[in-house]
Amino acid sequence: MKKSKLFGVLHHTFKVLLLVGLLVASFTYAMFQGGFVSWFLFYSVVTVTVLTLIVFLFSFQGFDVERSLSQKTAQAGGELTVTIYLRRRSWRPFFYIRVKDLVPLSIGRTEGAGALFFFGLQREWSYQYVISNIRRGEHRFENVHLVFGDLFGLIEKETTVPVESSVLIYPNVHHVKELPPIQNRTFSQGKRANRKQEEERSLAGVRDYVPGDRLSTIDWKQSARALKFVTKEFESYDGEGIVVAFDAYLETLSPTSFETAVELAASLMYKVLQQRPSLEVAVRRKGWQTVTIDTHMLTLPLTLLAKLQPTEEGPKAKDPVYLSWRGATVFYVCTELSEAIVEAARTLQMQHVNVQICLVGKHRKNQEFAEQLKQHRIQIHTFEP
């Protein structure tokens, strides 16, 4: 850092000495040569030097910079057009202005983020550039770099103008041909649910008895009070609810695999909403964050997925959110498997959740944990990227 500052000081000193030397040389030439041409050359150099010093000493606070984005939200893989506006509030001398937008490195491939403007009578300049193959995430633009220079480029003055903008890039969505088969939890273990499992369900309320209701569901106390048969109503236990859960665990695989897994979660979400009016989306980084959505609320889960970053911390074996998934089908999307994910899947299974692990591609690390899941009859589905 100190070397770069020293180099900058020496660089500017050299330019000043060069300008002084040019003045001395032109004056010496005029004194010895004489004549109109020699003195005209000297006075021209003096004029340029004075203007250069004025440009160098003048304040450039009179310039306003604005950035305009073609859209505030976009989908990964697309393009984003950025327009930079430079406005001059009052007259300011300069020979040229070099403008460069400081683009976040994480957003994608950028070409033509800078422009060069020469002195003119207009008070506003603008240029556009395109960011292609934009990446998922929340990206923030913060500064625009300006460089003012003299006619020969000997002396330049730099300034950085804070111009804050942000864009949210949603994960790309791919077509999923069909969802993994949703098994009825009652028959998923090859036998009917016993009475103990049935009694463990949450009581939703009571209703009048309807011919065909089983005697085991009659609430005898309420029937005695109401002087008529009353039947207990339980929460659904046949996997009617669907949860798309994304676990942000990533330890050994590449960030590209993580992005592909995020896209799989978004694609499954869209596919489920094509067949059902609503579903629950859950995202885990440090803890689980859930939201229930329908087709009119897609921005909520997409925003969660867009801002998500990987974590090396695995899920808890027991979590309060697992109880809310009781009786539902959970598409558990993750980038890679771990012992913690296996334990969490076992907990979900014991709490009567139809858990189905969804992976993208086949990786050697996942094979050992996949065998453990298969031993516990937990289904694993592999989607090709």
Protein backbone atom coordinates (compact mmCIF):
# COMPACT_ATOMS: atom_id res chain seq x y z
CA MET A 1 0.00 0.00 0.00
CA LYS A 2 2.83 2.42 0.88
CA LYS A 3 4.65 1.59 -2.34
CA SER A 4 1.57 2.40 -4.44
CA LYS A 5 1.17 5.78 -2.70
CA LEU A 6 4.86 6.56 -3.22
CA PHE A 7 4.58 5.62 -6.88
CA GLY A 8 1.56 7.93 -7.25
CA VAL A 9 3.43 10.87 -5.72
CA LEU A 10 6.44 10.29 -7.97
CA HIS A 11 4.18 9.95 -10.99
CA HIS A 12 2.47 13.31 -10.36
CA THR A 13 5.81 14.99 -9.56
CA PHE A 14 7.21 13.79 -12.87
CA LYS A 15 4.25 15.25 -14.74
CA VAL A 16 4.64 18.63 -13.01
CA LEU A 17 8.38 18.70 -13.77
CA LEU A 18 7.64 17.77 -17.37
CA LEU A 19 5.19 20.68 -17.68
CA VAL A 20 7.71 23.09 -16.12
CA GLY A 21 10.41 21.80 -18.44
CA LEU A 22 8.14 22.36 -21.43
CA LEU A 23 7.65 25.98 -20.34
CA VAL A 24 11.38 26.54 -19.87
CA ALA A 25 12.20 24.92 -23.19
CA SER A 26 9.65 27.00 -25.13
CA PHE A 27 10.82 30.22 -23.42
CA THR A 28 14.47 29.44 -24.16
CA TYR A 29 13.63 28.68 -27.76
CA ALA A 30 11.74 31.99 -28.12
CA MET A 31 14.59 34.00 -26.55
CA PHE A 32 17.28 32.60 -28.78
CA GLN A 33 15.29 32.08 -31.97
CA GLY A 34 13.07 35.17 -31.82
CA GLY A 35 10.39 35.90 -34.34
CA PHE A 36 6.63 35.61 -34.32
CA VAL A 37 6.47 31.83 -34.56
CA SER A 38 8.75 31.21 -31.57
CA TRP A 39 6.89 33.62 -29.27
CA PHE A 40 3.51 32.35 -30.48
CA LEU A 41 4.59 28.86 -29.52
CA PHE A 42 5.71 30.09 -26.07
CA TYR A 43 2.45 31.94 -25.36
CA SER A 44 0.45 28.94 -26.55
CA VAL A 45 2.30 26.71 -24.10
CA VAL A 46 1.72 29.27 -21.33
CA THR A 47 -2.01 29.37 -22.15
CA VAL A 48 -2.31 25.57 -22.08
CA THR A 49 -0.34 25.42 -18.84
CA VAL A 50 -2.57 27.99 -17.14
CA LEU A 51 -5.69 26.15 -18.25
CA THR A 52 -4.20 22.87 -17.02
CA LEU A 53 -3.56 24.38 -13.59
CA ILE A 54 -7.09 25.80 -13.49
CA VAL A 55 -8.51 22.35 -14.28
CA PHE A 56 -6.30 20.82 -11.62
CA LEU A 57 -7.19 23.34 -8.91
CA PHE A 58 -10.87 23.76 -9.70
CA SER A 59 -13.49 21.99 -7.57
CA PHE A 60 -15.59 19.37 -9.32
CA GLN A 61 -18.47 19.31 -6.84
CA GLY A 62 -20.75 20.75 -9.50
CA PHE A 63 -21.24 17.39 -11.25
CA ASP A 64 -24.14 15.02 -10.48
CA VAL A 65 -23.99 11.34 -11.34
CA GLU A 66 -27.01 9.07 -11.61
CA ARG A 67 -27.35 5.37 -12.39
CA SER A 68 -30.47 3.82 -13.91
CA LEU A 69 -31.08 0.06 -14.06
CA SER A 70 -33.34 -1.42 -16.71
CA GLN A 71 -35.08 -3.51 -14.02
CA LYS A 72 -35.03 -3.87 -10.25
CA THR A 73 -35.57 -7.63 -10.35
CA ALA A 74 -34.45 -10.10 -12.98
CA GLN A 75 -33.85 -13.79 -13.50
CA ALA A 76 -30.44 -15.41 -13.46
CA GLY A 77 -28.87 -15.96 -16.85
CA GLY A 78 -30.46 -12.88 -18.43
CA GLU A 79 -29.16 -9.39 -19.19
CA LEU A 80 -29.23 -6.12 -17.30
CA THR A 81 -28.86 -2.75 -19.01
CA VAL A 82 -27.28 0.05 -16.98
CA THR A 83 -27.40 3.74 -17.95
CA ILE A 84 -25.04 6.31 -16.41
CA TYR A 85 -26.03 10.00 -16.48
CA LEU A 86 -23.51 12.79 -15.84
CA ARG A 87 -24.96 16.27 -15.31
CA ARG A 88 -23.19 19.60 -14.84
CA ARG A 89 -25.04 21.98 -12.50
CA SER A 90 -22.84 24.95 -13.40
CA TRP A 91 -19.93 25.71 -15.69
CA ARG A 92 -16.80 23.71 -14.84
CA PRO A 93 -13.62 23.66 -16.96
CA PHE A 94 -12.26 20.32 -18.14
CA PHE A 95 -10.68 18.89 -21.27
CA TYR A 96 -12.03 15.37 -20.88
CA ILE A 97 -13.87 13.23 -18.33
CA ARG A 98 -13.32 9.50 -18.03
CA VAL A 99 -16.27 7.78 -16.33
CA LYS A 100 -16.26 4.23 -15.00
CA ASP A 101 -19.03 2.51 -13.11
CA LEU A 102 -17.68 0.25 -10.36
CA VAL A 103 -19.67 -2.91 -11.04
CA PRO A 104 -19.98 -5.64 -8.36
CA LEU A 105 -17.72 -8.52 -9.34
CA SER A 106 -20.34 -11.10 -8.36
CA ILE A 107 -23.06 -9.96 -10.74
CA GLY A 108 -21.80 -11.31 -14.06
CA ARG A 109 -19.85 -10.51 -17.22
CA THR A 110 -19.53 -6.79 -17.92
CA GLU A 111 -18.29 -4.99 -21.02
CA GLY A 112 -18.12 -1.24 -21.66
CA ALA A 113 -18.72 -0.06 -18.09
CA GLY A 114 -16.65 3.10 -18.82
CA ALA A 115 -16.86 6.02 -21.24
CA LEU A 116 -14.80 9.06 -22.31
CA PHE A 117 -16.35 12.52 -22.81
CA PHE A 118 -14.58 15.61 -24.18
CA PHE A 119 -15.30 19.24 -23.41
CA GLY A 120 -18.52 20.54 -24.91
CA LEU A 121 -21.29 23.05 -24.35
CA GLN A 122 -23.90 20.46 -23.32
CA ARG A 123 -24.69 20.02 -19.65
CA GLU A 124 -25.58 16.34 -19.68
CA TRP A 125 -23.86 13.20 -20.92
CA SER A 126 -24.95 9.58 -20.76
CA TYR A 127 -23.90 6.11 -21.88
CA GLN A 128 -25.14 2.54 -21.52
CA TYR A 129 -23.54 -0.82 -20.96
CA VAL A 130 -24.90 -4.36 -20.63
CA ILE A 131 -24.22 -6.98 -17.96
CA SER A 132 -24.79 -10.42 -19.45
CA ASN A 133 -25.24 -13.82 -17.83
CA ILE A 134 -26.25 -12.19 -14.53
CA ARG A 135 -25.96 -14.33 -11.40
CA ARG A 136 -28.42 -15.02 -8.60
CA GLY A 137 -28.23 -12.79 -5.54
CA GLU A 138 -28.75 -9.27 -4.25
CA HIS A 139 -26.15 -7.06 -5.90
CA ARG A 140 -25.33 -3.51 -4.81
CA PHE A 141 -23.76 -0.80 -6.95
CA GLU A 142 -22.08 1.81 -4.75
CA ASN A 143 -19.69 4.16 -6.59
CA VAL A 144 -18.88 5.76 -9.94
CA HIS A 145 -15.28 6.75 -10.61
CA LEU A 146 -14.54 10.02 -12.43
CA VAL A 147 -11.21 11.18 -13.86
CA PHE A 148 -10.77 14.78 -15.10
CA GLY A 149 -7.75 15.49 -17.27
CA ASP A 150 -5.94 18.21 -19.18
CA LEU A 151 -5.39 18.47 -22.90
CA PHE A 152 -2.23 16.35 -22.92
CA GLY A 153 -3.17 14.02 -20.11
CA LEU A 154 -0.24 15.18 -18.00
CA ILE A 155 -2.33 16.06 -14.96
CA GLU A 156 -5.43 14.15 -13.94
CA LYS A 157 -7.76 14.63 -11.01
CA GLU A 158 -9.78 11.67 -9.72
CA THR A 159 -12.89 11.50 -7.59
CA THR A 160 -15.34 8.80 -6.57
CA VAL A 161 -19.02 9.67 -6.41
CA PRO A 162 -21.29 7.51 -4.23
CA VAL A 163 -24.26 6.34 -6.31
CA GLU A 164 -26.12 3.50 -4.62
CA SER A 165 -28.33 1.11 -6.57
CA SER A 166 -29.39 -2.49 -6.03
CA VAL A 167 -30.86 -5.29 -8.10
CA LEU A 168 -32.31 -8.61 -6.99
CA ILE A 169 -31.62 -11.56 -9.28
CA TYR A 170 -33.99 -14.50 -8.84
CA PRO A 171 -32.82 -18.07 -9.49
CA ASN A 172 -33.43 -19.47 -12.93
CA VAL A 173 -36.40 -21.82 -13.29
CA HIS A 174 -36.23 -24.96 -15.40
CA HIS A 175 -38.99 -27.19 -16.64
CA VAL A 176 -39.59 -30.21 -14.42
CA LYS A 177 -41.36 -32.95 -16.36
CA GLU A 178 -43.05 -34.50 -13.36
CA LEU A 179 -42.90 -34.46 -9.60
CA PRO A 180 -41.65 -37.45 -7.66
CA PRO A 181 -44.60 -39.69 -6.79
CA ILE A 182 -46.32 -38.54 -3.61
CA GLN A 183 -47.05 -41.62 -1.57
CA ASN A 184 -49.86 -41.78 0.94
CA ARG A 185 -48.11 -41.83 4.28
CA THR A 186 -50.65 -44.32 5.65
CA PHE A 187 -49.39 -47.00 3.25
CA SER A 188 -45.81 -45.88 2.80
CA GLN A 189 -44.48 -48.46 5.27
CA GLY A 190 -46.49 -51.29 3.70
CA LYS A 191 -49.23 -51.35 6.36
CA ARG A 192 -52.09 -49.27 7.62
CA ALA A 193 -51.52 -46.74 10.36
CA ASN A 194 -52.34 -48.20 13.76
CA ARG A 195 -54.66 -46.60 16.28
CA LYS A 196 -51.79 -45.13 18.28
CA GLN A 197 -50.52 -43.24 15.25
CA GLU A 198 -54.04 -42.10 14.51
CA GLU A 199 -54.51 -40.74 18.00
CA GLU A 200 -51.27 -38.77 17.76
CA ARG A 201 -52.77 -36.45 15.18
CA SER A 202 -53.85 -32.98 16.25
CA LEU A 203 -57.57 -32.53 16.94
CA ALA A 204 -58.97 -29.90 14.57
CA GLY A 205 -62.56 -29.83 15.95
CA VAL A 206 -65.84 -31.74 16.07
CA ARG A 207 -68.85 -32.11 13.75
CA ASP A 208 -72.17 -33.89 13.63
CA TYR A 209 -72.08 -37.62 13.11
CA VAL A 210 -72.54 -38.79 9.51
CA PRO A 211 -73.52 -42.39 8.70
CA GLY A 212 -70.33 -44.20 7.75
CA ASP A 213 -68.12 -42.55 10.39
CA ARG A 214 -66.19 -45.04 12.50
CA LEU A 215 -67.25 -45.48 16.11
CA SER A 216 -63.65 -44.85 17.26
CA THR A 217 -63.91 -41.22 16.09
CA ILE A 218 -67.05 -40.40 18.11
CA ASP A 219 -66.48 -37.90 20.92
CA TRP A 220 -68.66 -39.50 23.62
CA LYS A 221 -68.36 -36.63 26.10
CA GLN A 222 -69.45 -34.01 23.58
CA SER A 223 -72.20 -36.33 22.35
CA ALA A 224 -73.59 -36.66 25.88
CA ARG A 225 -73.69 -32.91 26.31
CA ALA A 226 -75.22 -32.23 22.92
CA LEU A 227 -77.65 -35.19 23.15
CA LYS A 228 -76.53 -36.30 19.69
CA PHE A 229 -73.57 -38.09 18.17
CA VAL A 230 -70.55 -35.85 17.55
CA THR A 231 -67.50 -36.98 15.55
CA LYS A 232 -63.92 -35.84 16.11
CA GLU A 233 -62.18 -34.14 13.18
CA PHE A 234 -58.41 -34.49 12.91
CA GLU A 235 -55.87 -32.61 10.84
CA SER A 236 -55.15 -34.21 7.51
CA TYR A 237 -52.76 -37.15 7.77
CA ASP A 238 -52.64 -38.32 4.19
CA GLY A 239 -49.86 -36.10 2.85
CA GLU A 240 -52.20 -33.50 1.45
CA GLY A 241 -49.76 -30.70 2.31
CA ILE A 242 -46.58 -30.25 0.31
CA VAL A 243 -43.43 -28.52 1.50
CA VAL A 244 -40.49 -27.57 -0.74
CA ALA A 245 -37.58 -27.27 1.68
CA PHE A 246 -34.13 -26.08 0.64
CA ASP A 247 -31.14 -26.74 2.86
CA ALA A 248 -28.21 -24.37 2.18
CA TYR A 249 -25.60 -26.79 3.53
CA LEU A 250 -22.43 -26.75 1.39
CA GLU A 251 -19.00 -27.94 2.48
CA THR A 252 -17.07 -29.76 -0.23
CA LEU A 253 -18.92 -29.33 -3.52
CA SER A 254 -18.57 -26.35 -5.84
CA PRO A 255 -20.63 -23.13 -5.73
CA THR A 256 -21.93 -24.10 -9.18
CA SER A 257 -23.56 -27.18 -7.65
CA PHE A 258 -25.15 -24.98 -5.01
CA GLU A 259 -26.62 -22.64 -7.65
CA THR A 260 -28.02 -25.63 -9.54
CA ALA A 261 -29.66 -26.91 -6.35
CA VAL A 262 -31.26 -23.49 -5.74
CA GLU A 263 -32.65 -23.57 -9.27
CA LEU A 264 -34.05 -27.05 -8.60
CA ALA A 265 -35.88 -25.78 -5.50
CA ALA A 266 -37.40 -22.90 -7.48
CA SER A 267 -38.38 -25.25 -10.33
CA LEU A 268 -40.09 -27.70 -7.96
CA MET A 269 -41.95 -24.81 -6.38
CA TYR A 270 -43.33 -23.73 -9.77
CA LYS A 271 -44.23 -27.32 -10.68
CA VAL A 272 -46.17 -27.90 -7.46
CA LEU A 273 -48.13 -24.65 -7.91
CA GLN A 274 -49.19 -25.84 -11.36
CA GLN A 275 -50.98 -28.75 -9.72
CA ARG A 276 -52.02 -27.40 -6.30
CA PRO A 277 -53.40 -24.06 -5.15
CA SER A 278 -50.80 -23.52 -2.41
CA LEU A 279 -47.73 -24.95 -0.74
CA GLU A 280 -45.22 -24.19 1.95
CA VAL A 281 -41.66 -23.15 1.09
CA ALA A 282 -38.94 -23.51 3.71
CA VAL A 283 -35.34 -22.26 3.47
CA ARG A 284 -32.59 -23.05 5.94
CA ARG A 285 -29.30 -21.29 6.50
CA LYS A 286 -28.78 -20.89 10.24
CA GLY A 287 -32.40 -21.74 10.99
CA TRP A 288 -35.52 -22.61 9.03
CA GLN A 289 -37.57 -19.79 7.55
CA THR A 290 -40.97 -20.79 6.15
CA VAL A 291 -43.68 -19.11 4.11
CA THR A 292 -46.99 -20.41 2.76
CA ILE A 293 -47.66 -19.20 -0.77
CA ASP A 294 -49.97 -19.44 -3.73
CA THR A 295 -49.54 -18.41 -7.38
CA HIS A 296 -49.96 -14.73 -6.47
CA MET A 297 -47.17 -14.74 -3.86
CA LEU A 298 -44.21 -16.10 -5.82
CA THR A 299 -41.97 -13.13 -5.08
CA LEU A 300 -41.75 -14.06 -1.37
CA PRO A 301 -40.01 -17.45 -1.78
CA LEU A 302 -38.02 -16.24 -4.79
CA THR A 303 -36.63 -13.40 -2.67
CA LEU A 304 -35.62 -15.89 0.02
CA LEU A 305 -33.86 -18.07 -2.54
CA ALA A 306 -32.24 -15.07 -4.26
CA LYS A 307 -30.61 -13.80 -1.06
CA LEU A 308 -29.56 -17.22 0.21
CA GLN A 309 -25.86 -17.98 0.77
CA PRO A 310 -24.37 -21.41 1.56
CA THR A 311 -23.48 -22.49 5.06
CA GLU A 312 -21.18 -25.18 6.43
CA GLU A 313 -23.49 -25.76 9.40
CA GLY A 314 -25.77 -28.76 9.05
CA PRO A 315 -29.43 -28.89 10.15
CA LYS A 316 -30.50 -29.77 13.67
CA ALA A 317 -31.62 -33.33 14.22
CA LYS A 318 -34.68 -31.99 16.08
CA ASP A 319 -36.32 -28.72 15.16
CA PRO A 320 -39.74 -27.26 16.12
CA VAL A 321 -40.54 -26.69 12.44
CA TYR A 322 -40.59 -30.47 11.85
CA LEU A 323 -43.77 -30.74 13.92
CA SER A 324 -45.59 -28.37 11.59
CA TRP A 325 -44.74 -30.68 8.68
CA ARG A 326 -46.40 -33.65 10.33
CA GLY A 327 -48.44 -35.59 7.78
CA ALA A 328 -47.11 -33.60 4.81
CA THR A 329 -44.86 -34.51 1.90
CA VAL A 330 -41.54 -32.68 2.08
CA PHE A 331 -39.32 -32.35 -0.99
CA TYR A 332 -36.02 -31.83 0.83
CA VAL A 333 -33.67 -30.18 -1.70
CA CYS A 334 -29.97 -29.97 -0.84
CA THR A 335 -26.63 -29.70 -2.62
CA GLU A 336 -24.85 -32.46 -0.71
CA LEU A 337 -25.68 -34.95 2.00
CA SER A 338 -24.19 -35.15 5.47
CA GLU A 339 -24.67 -37.04 8.71
CA ALA A 340 -26.74 -34.12 10.05
CA ILE A 341 -29.10 -34.24 7.05
CA VAL A 342 -29.51 -38.00 7.46
CA GLU A 343 -30.42 -37.52 11.13
CA ALA A 344 -32.88 -34.74 10.26
CA ALA A 345 -34.51 -36.95 7.63
CA ARG A 346 -34.83 -39.77 10.16
CA THR A 347 -36.50 -37.39 12.63
CA LEU A 348 -38.96 -36.27 9.96
CA GLN A 349 -39.72 -39.87 9.10
CA MET A 350 -40.40 -40.77 12.76
CA GLN A 351 -42.75 -37.78 12.98
CA HIS A 352 -44.84 -39.22 10.11
CA VAL A 353 -43.50 -36.90 7.42
CA ASN A 354 -43.20 -38.25 3.89
CA VAL A 355 -39.68 -36.89 3.34
CA GLN A 356 -38.14 -37.20 -0.13
CA ILE A 357 -34.54 -36.11 -0.69
CA CYS A 358 -33.95 -34.23 -3.96
CA LEU A 359 -30.39 -33.90 -5.32
CA VAL A 360 -28.88 -32.52 -8.51
CA GLY A 361 -26.48 -34.88 -10.27
CA LYS A 362 -24.56 -37.77 -8.78
CA HIS A 363 -21.58 -37.01 -6.56
CA ARG A 364 -19.28 -39.51 -4.91
CA LYS A 365 -19.61 -37.89 -1.49
CA ASN A 366 -23.38 -38.43 -1.47
CA GLN A 367 -23.24 -42.18 -2.14
CA GLU A 368 -22.40 -43.27 1.41
CA PHE A 369 -25.13 -41.14 2.99
CA ALA A 370 -27.58 -42.13 0.26
CA GLU A 371 -27.12 -45.78 1.24
CA GLN A 372 -27.97 -44.91 4.85
CA LEU A 373 -31.14 -43.14 3.73
CA LYS A 374 -32.17 -46.09 1.57
CA GLN A 375 -31.73 -48.44 4.52
CA HIS A 376 -34.31 -46.36 6.37
CA ARG A 377 -36.61 -46.44 3.32
CA ILE A 378 -36.24 -42.73 2.67
CA GLN A 379 -36.62 -41.96 -1.00
CA ILE A 380 -33.89 -40.14 -2.93
CA HIS A 381 -34.52 -38.47 -6.29
CA THR A 382 -31.68 -37.32 -8.52
CA PHE A 383 -32.34 -34.59 -11.08
CA GLU A 384 -29.92 -34.05 -13.94
CA PRO A 385 -28.72 -30.43 -14.33
